[in-house]
Amino acid sequence: MSPRKTRQENAPIYNRLPVLRAERRLTRQALADAIDVNYQTIGYLERGDYSPSLDLAMRLSQFFELPIEAIFSREPFTPLTNQIYGKDNKEQSS
């Protein structure tokens, strides 16, 4: 009998890879080459079809010079437009 997966193990891993690639004007192929993976792996990660290994998450973190939590999360990321122009920032600046 195989071990039962917990709710957290089934939870999706969200990421900001498309945004980080766009900011740096990187193609999937260029990012894949930089971290030594197949370009399809980048697509799978971006779509949420694949959860990164710890090694892969650390390579991406090192490449982008960001903490892993800035790239990956168990909770959906707040869109950057909401962070910059959203209601929460308006309340803080009042």
Protein backbone atom coordinates (compact mmCIF):
# COMPACT_ATOMS: atom_id res chain seq x y z
CA MET A 1 0.00 0.00 0.00
CA SER A 2 1.43 3.38 -0.99
CA PRO A 3 1.53 6.26 1.49
CA ARG A 4 -1.35 8.68 1.28
CA LYS A 5 -0.49 12.15 0.02
CA THR A 6 -1.26 15.04 2.29
CA ARG A 7 -3.24 18.05 1.15
CA GLN A 8 -0.05 20.15 1.04
CA GLU A 9 1.71 17.64 -1.24
CA ASN A 10 -1.17 17.96 -3.72
CA ALA A 11 -1.21 21.77 -3.58
CA PRO A 12 0.00 23.52 -6.71
CA ILE A 13 3.26 25.44 -6.73
CA TYR A 14 2.76 28.94 -8.14
CA ASN A 15 5.62 30.84 -9.73
CA ARG A 16 6.64 34.16 -11.23
CA LEU A 17 8.86 32.71 -13.93
CA PRO A 18 7.02 34.31 -16.89
CA VAL A 19 7.27 37.75 -15.24
CA LEU A 20 10.93 37.29 -14.37
CA ARG A 21 11.72 36.12 -17.89
CA ALA A 22 9.84 39.05 -19.41
CA GLU A 23 11.63 41.57 -17.19
CA ARG A 24 14.96 40.20 -18.39
CA ARG A 25 13.80 39.65 -21.99
CA LEU A 26 14.68 35.96 -21.83
CA THR A 27 13.20 33.22 -23.96
CA ARG A 28 12.41 29.88 -22.39
CA GLN A 29 15.35 28.47 -24.32
CA ALA A 30 17.77 31.12 -22.99
CA LEU A 31 16.69 30.51 -19.40
CA ALA A 32 16.86 26.74 -19.88
CA ASP A 33 20.38 27.02 -21.29
CA ALA A 34 21.47 29.22 -18.38
CA ILE A 35 20.32 26.72 -15.75
CA ASP A 36 21.08 23.57 -17.76
CA VAL A 37 17.59 22.13 -18.31
CA ASN A 38 15.46 21.40 -21.37
CA TYR A 39 13.44 24.41 -22.54
CA GLN A 40 10.25 22.34 -22.15
CA THR A 41 10.95 22.12 -18.41
CA ILE A 42 10.60 25.91 -18.21
CA GLY A 43 7.22 25.70 -19.96
CA TYR A 44 6.04 22.94 -17.63
CA LEU A 45 7.08 24.99 -14.60
CA GLU A 46 5.40 28.16 -15.89
CA ARG A 47 2.12 26.34 -16.56
CA GLY A 48 2.21 24.61 -13.20
CA ASP A 49 2.41 21.18 -14.83
CA TYR A 50 5.62 20.41 -12.95
CA SER A 51 6.86 21.26 -9.46
CA PRO A 52 10.56 22.06 -9.26
CA SER A 53 13.02 19.92 -7.37
CA LEU A 54 14.89 21.70 -4.61
CA ASP A 55 17.99 21.71 -6.83
CA LEU A 56 16.11 23.31 -9.73
CA ALA A 57 14.46 25.90 -7.47
CA MET A 58 17.87 26.80 -6.06
CA ARG A 59 19.40 27.13 -9.54
CA LEU A 60 16.58 29.47 -10.58
CA SER A 61 16.97 31.43 -7.35
CA GLN A 62 20.69 31.82 -7.98
CA PHE A 63 20.19 32.77 -11.63
CA PHE A 64 17.60 35.47 -10.85
CA GLU A 65 19.45 36.51 -7.66
CA LEU A 66 16.21 36.25 -5.69
CA PRO A 67 15.12 34.15 -2.71
CA ILE A 68 13.19 31.02 -3.66
CA GLU A 69 10.06 32.47 -1.99
CA ALA A 70 10.14 35.39 -4.46
CA ILE A 71 9.90 32.91 -7.34
CA PHE A 72 7.76 30.07 -5.95
CA SER A 73 4.82 29.95 -3.54
CA ARG A 74 2.09 27.59 -2.36
CA GLU A 75 -0.32 30.55 -2.50
CA PRO A 76 -1.09 32.50 -5.69
CA PHE A 77 1.01 35.63 -6.02
CA THR A 78 -0.73 38.97 -5.83
CA PRO A 79 -0.47 40.58 -9.25
CA LEU A 80 2.22 43.26 -9.30
CA THR A 81 -0.31 45.86 -10.46
CA ASN A 82 -2.30 45.23 -7.27
CA GLN A 83 0.85 45.52 -5.19
CA ILE A 84 1.77 48.83 -6.81
CA TYR A 85 -1.64 50.39 -7.48
CA GLY A 86 -3.97 48.25 -5.43
CA LYS A 87 -6.23 49.02 -2.52
CA ASP A 88 -3.76 47.72 0.11
CA ASN A 89 -1.09 50.28 -0.84
CA LYS A 90 -3.60 53.15 -0.90
CA GLU A 91 -4.66 52.33 2.66
CA GLN A 92 -1.03 52.17 3.83
CA SER A 93 -0.14 55.54 2.29
CA SER A 94 -3.12 57.35 3.86
